[in-house]
């Protein structure tokens, strides 16, 4: 498995934060705030794979682009960047030594906290 930063998703997340489309929730809220499989499928049906991919900071280059397995490290609910999703992605990326993703998520975390400190 080769996982790398999804630059389009990173740029999308930064835009959303700058536009105030955020949920400043707590670290442990992600299990309740992460999109369900049904919500993911509904979003895919309405928006397609390209827009779906903008909500995942990592991509597995060995998986087909039109599979959910291609997309890793979700950070939002298809409307807003969730602070808890960013924190979750940050810790998982660091645990798996995905340095480019870790660096990007740290930047997002700082952007979120800096805007709302």
C-alpha atoms as a PDB file:
ATOM      1  CA  UNK A   1       0.000   0.000   0.000  1.00  0.00           C
ATOM      2  CA  UNK A   2       1.373   3.380  -1.055  1.00  0.00           C
ATOM      3  CA  UNK A   3      -0.431   6.267   0.618  1.00  0.00           C
ATOM      4  CA  UNK A   4       0.403   9.860  -0.235  1.00  0.00           C
ATOM      5  CA  UNK A   5      -1.022  13.312   0.339  1.00  0.00           C
ATOM      6  CA  UNK A   6      -4.083  14.220  -1.698  1.00  0.00           C
ATOM      7  CA  UNK A   7      -3.067  17.801  -2.576  1.00  0.00           C
ATOM      8  CA  UNK A   8      -6.510  18.667  -3.987  1.00  0.00           C
ATOM      9  CA  UNK A   9      -8.151  17.641  -0.722  1.00  0.00           C
ATOM     10  CA  UNK A  10      -5.582  19.584   1.302  1.00  0.00           C
ATOM     11  CA  UNK A  11      -6.240  22.734  -0.740  1.00  0.00           C
ATOM     12  CA  UNK A  12      -9.995  22.182  -0.421  1.00  0.00           C
ATOM     13  CA  UNK A  13      -9.735  21.812   3.362  1.00  0.00           C
ATOM     14  CA  UNK A  14      -7.676  25.004   3.680  1.00  0.00           C
ATOM     15  CA  UNK A  15     -10.251  26.893   1.591  1.00  0.00           C
ATOM     16  CA  UNK A  16     -13.071  25.627   3.791  1.00  0.00           C
ATOM     17  CA  UNK A  17     -11.254  26.683   6.969  1.00  0.00           C
ATOM     18  CA  UNK A  18     -10.544  30.143   5.545  1.00  0.00           C
ATOM     19  CA  UNK A  19     -14.234  30.456   4.660  1.00  0.00           C
ATOM     20  CA  UNK A  20     -15.281  29.475   8.182  1.00  0.00           C
ATOM     21  CA  UNK A  21     -16.822  26.170   7.164  1.00  0.00           C
ATOM     22  CA  UNK A  22     -15.639  24.388  10.293  1.00  0.00           C
ATOM     23  CA  UNK A  23     -16.898  22.472  13.296  1.00  0.00           C
ATOM     24  CA  UNK A  24     -14.738  23.205  16.322  1.00  0.00           C
ATOM     25  CA  UNK A  25     -15.518  19.957  18.077  1.00  0.00           C
ATOM     26  CA  UNK A  26     -13.460  17.974  20.550  1.00  0.00           C
ATOM     27  CA  UNK A  27     -10.848  15.306  19.855  1.00  0.00           C
ATOM     28  CA  UNK A  28     -13.057  12.334  20.736  1.00  0.00           C
ATOM     29  CA  UNK A  29     -16.115  13.465  18.726  1.00  0.00           C
ATOM     30  CA  UNK A  30     -14.966  12.023  15.393  1.00  0.00           C
ATOM     31  CA  UNK A  31     -16.531   8.597  15.955  1.00  0.00           C
ATOM     32  CA  UNK A  32     -19.919  10.350  16.125  1.00  0.00           C
ATOM     33  CA  UNK A  33     -19.250  13.064  13.522  1.00  0.00           C
ATOM     34  CA  UNK A  34     -17.555  11.041  10.767  1.00  0.00           C
ATOM     35  CA  UNK A  35     -19.793  10.330   7.777  1.00  0.00           C
ATOM     36  CA  UNK A  36     -21.547   6.974   7.796  1.00  0.00           C
ATOM     37  CA  UNK A  37     -21.279   4.586   4.858  1.00  0.00           C
ATOM     38  CA  UNK A  38     -24.791   5.643   3.790  1.00  0.00           C
ATOM     39  CA  UNK A  39     -23.790   9.322   3.879  1.00  0.00           C
ATOM     40  CA  UNK A  40     -20.681   8.546   1.843  1.00  0.00           C
ATOM     41  CA  UNK A  41     -22.745   6.650  -0.731  1.00  0.00           C
ATOM     42  CA  UNK A  42     -25.322   9.449  -0.938  1.00  0.00           C
ATOM     43  CA  UNK A  43     -22.573  12.039  -1.478  1.00  0.00           C
ATOM     44  CA  UNK A  44     -20.961   9.857  -4.153  1.00  0.00           C
ATOM     45  CA  UNK A  45     -24.276   9.441  -5.973  1.00  0.00           C
ATOM     46  CA  UNK A  46     -24.860  13.206  -6.026  1.00  0.00           C
ATOM     47  CA  UNK A  47     -21.313  14.502  -6.577  1.00  0.00           C
ATOM     48  CA  UNK A  48     -19.137  11.758  -8.068  1.00  0.00           C
ATOM     49  CA  UNK A  49     -15.664  10.496  -7.274  1.00  0.00           C
ATOM     50  CA  UNK A  50     -13.744  13.736  -7.911  1.00  0.00           C
ATOM     51  CA  UNK A  51     -15.677  15.755  -5.339  1.00  0.00           C
ATOM     52  CA  UNK A  52     -15.799  12.788  -2.953  1.00  0.00           C
ATOM     53  CA  UNK A  53     -12.008  12.620  -3.049  1.00  0.00           C
ATOM     54  CA  UNK A  54     -11.698  16.239  -1.934  1.00  0.00           C
ATOM     55  CA  UNK A  55     -12.773  15.127   1.556  1.00  0.00           C
ATOM     56  CA  UNK A  56      -9.881  12.674   2.058  1.00  0.00           C
ATOM     57  CA  UNK A  57      -6.340  13.878   2.754  1.00  0.00           C
ATOM     58  CA  UNK A  58      -4.674  10.637   1.660  1.00  0.00           C
ATOM     59  CA  UNK A  59      -4.871   8.449  -1.401  1.00  0.00           C
ATOM     60  CA  UNK A  60      -3.728   4.877  -1.837  1.00  0.00           C
ATOM     61  CA  UNK A  61      -2.044   4.921  -5.238  1.00  0.00           C
ATOM     62  CA  UNK A  62      -2.359   1.147  -5.566  1.00  0.00           C
ATOM     63  CA  UNK A  63      -6.172   1.237  -5.419  1.00  0.00           C
ATOM     64  CA  UNK A  64      -8.484   2.220  -8.262  1.00  0.00           C
ATOM     65  CA  UNK A  65      -9.557   5.888  -8.056  1.00  0.00           C
ATOM     66  CA  UNK A  66     -13.207   4.885  -8.220  1.00  0.00           C
ATOM     67  CA  UNK A  67     -13.164   2.819  -5.034  1.00  0.00           C
ATOM     68  CA  UNK A  68     -13.572   3.946  -1.454  1.00  0.00           C
ATOM     69  CA  UNK A  69     -10.357   2.096  -0.604  1.00  0.00           C
ATOM     70  CA  UNK A  70      -8.417   4.659  -2.669  1.00  0.00           C
ATOM     71  CA  UNK A  71      -9.327   7.432  -0.199  1.00  0.00           C
ATOM     72  CA  UNK A  72      -7.820   7.694   3.293  1.00  0.00           C
ATOM     73  CA  UNK A  73      -7.872  10.189   6.161  1.00  0.00           C
ATOM     74  CA  UNK A  74     -11.291  11.848   6.033  1.00  0.00           C
ATOM     75  CA  UNK A  75     -11.452  15.246   7.721  1.00  0.00           C
ATOM     76  CA  UNK A  76     -15.044  16.419   7.400  1.00  0.00           C
ATOM     77  CA  UNK A  77     -18.705  15.666   6.903  1.00  0.00           C
ATOM     78  CA  UNK A  78     -18.984  16.797   3.240  1.00  0.00           C
ATOM     79  CA  UNK A  79     -19.970  20.298   4.416  1.00  0.00           C
ATOM     80  CA  UNK A  80     -17.435  21.362   7.024  1.00  0.00           C
ATOM     81  CA  UNK A  81     -13.948  20.607   8.257  1.00  0.00           C
ATOM     82  CA  UNK A  82     -14.240  18.946  11.638  1.00  0.00           C
ATOM     83  CA  UNK A  83     -11.483  19.683  14.126  1.00  0.00           C
ATOM     84  CA  UNK A  84     -11.924  16.170  15.545  1.00  0.00           C
ATOM     85  CA  UNK A  85     -11.482  14.678  12.049  1.00  0.00           C
ATOM     86  CA  UNK A  86      -8.282  16.658  11.553  1.00  0.00           C
ATOM     87  CA  UNK A  87      -6.936  15.523  14.940  1.00  0.00           C
ATOM     88  CA  UNK A  88      -7.841  11.908  14.163  1.00  0.00           C
ATOM     89  CA  UNK A  89      -6.113  12.088  10.769  1.00  0.00           C
ATOM     90  CA  UNK A  90      -3.094  13.741  12.363  1.00  0.00           C
ATOM     91  CA  UNK A  91      -2.540  10.961  14.886  1.00  0.00           C
ATOM     92  CA  UNK A  92      -3.195   8.124  12.404  1.00  0.00           C
ATOM     93  CA  UNK A  93      -0.868   9.624   9.783  1.00  0.00           C
ATOM     94  CA  UNK A  94       1.904  10.037  12.365  1.00  0.00           C
ATOM     95  CA  UNK A  95       1.431   6.471  13.636  1.00  0.00           C
ATOM     96  CA  UNK A  96       1.833   5.140  10.092  1.00  0.00           C
ATOM     97  CA  UNK A  97       4.784   7.383   9.161  1.00  0.00           C
ATOM     98  CA  UNK A  98       2.950   9.179   6.371  1.00  0.00           C
ATOM     99  CA  UNK A  99       5.110  12.252   6.762  1.00  0.00           C
ATOM    100  CA  UNK A 100       3.594  14.352   3.958  1.00  0.00           C
ATOM    101  CA  UNK A 101       0.088  13.762   5.296  1.00  0.00           C
ATOM    102  CA  UNK A 102       1.197  14.368   8.890  1.00  0.00           C
ATOM    103  CA  UNK A 103       2.748  17.707   7.925  1.00  0.00           C
ATOM    104  CA  UNK A 104      -0.351  18.780   5.992  1.00  0.00           C
ATOM    105  CA  UNK A 105      -2.725  17.808   8.787  1.00  0.00           C
ATOM    106  CA  UNK A 106      -0.574  19.617  11.361  1.00  0.00           C
ATOM    107  CA  UNK A 107      -0.870  22.736   9.193  1.00  0.00           C
ATOM    108  CA  UNK A 108      -4.655  22.311   9.020  1.00  0.00           C
ATOM    109  CA  UNK A 109      -4.824  21.838  12.797  1.00  0.00           C
ATOM    110  CA  UNK A 110      -2.835  25.040  13.336  1.00  0.00           C
ATOM    111  CA  UNK A 111      -5.021  26.899  10.845  1.00  0.00           C
ATOM    112  CA  UNK A 112      -8.148  25.738  12.649  1.00  0.00           C
ATOM    113  CA  UNK A 113      -6.888  26.557  16.122  1.00  0.00           C
ATOM    114  CA  UNK A 114      -5.347  29.835  15.029  1.00  0.00           C
ATOM    115  CA  UNK A 115      -8.624  31.014  13.508  1.00  0.00           C
ATOM    116  CA  UNK A 116     -10.601  30.099  16.597  1.00  0.00           C
ATOM    117  CA  UNK A 117      -8.163  30.560  19.488  1.00  0.00           C
END
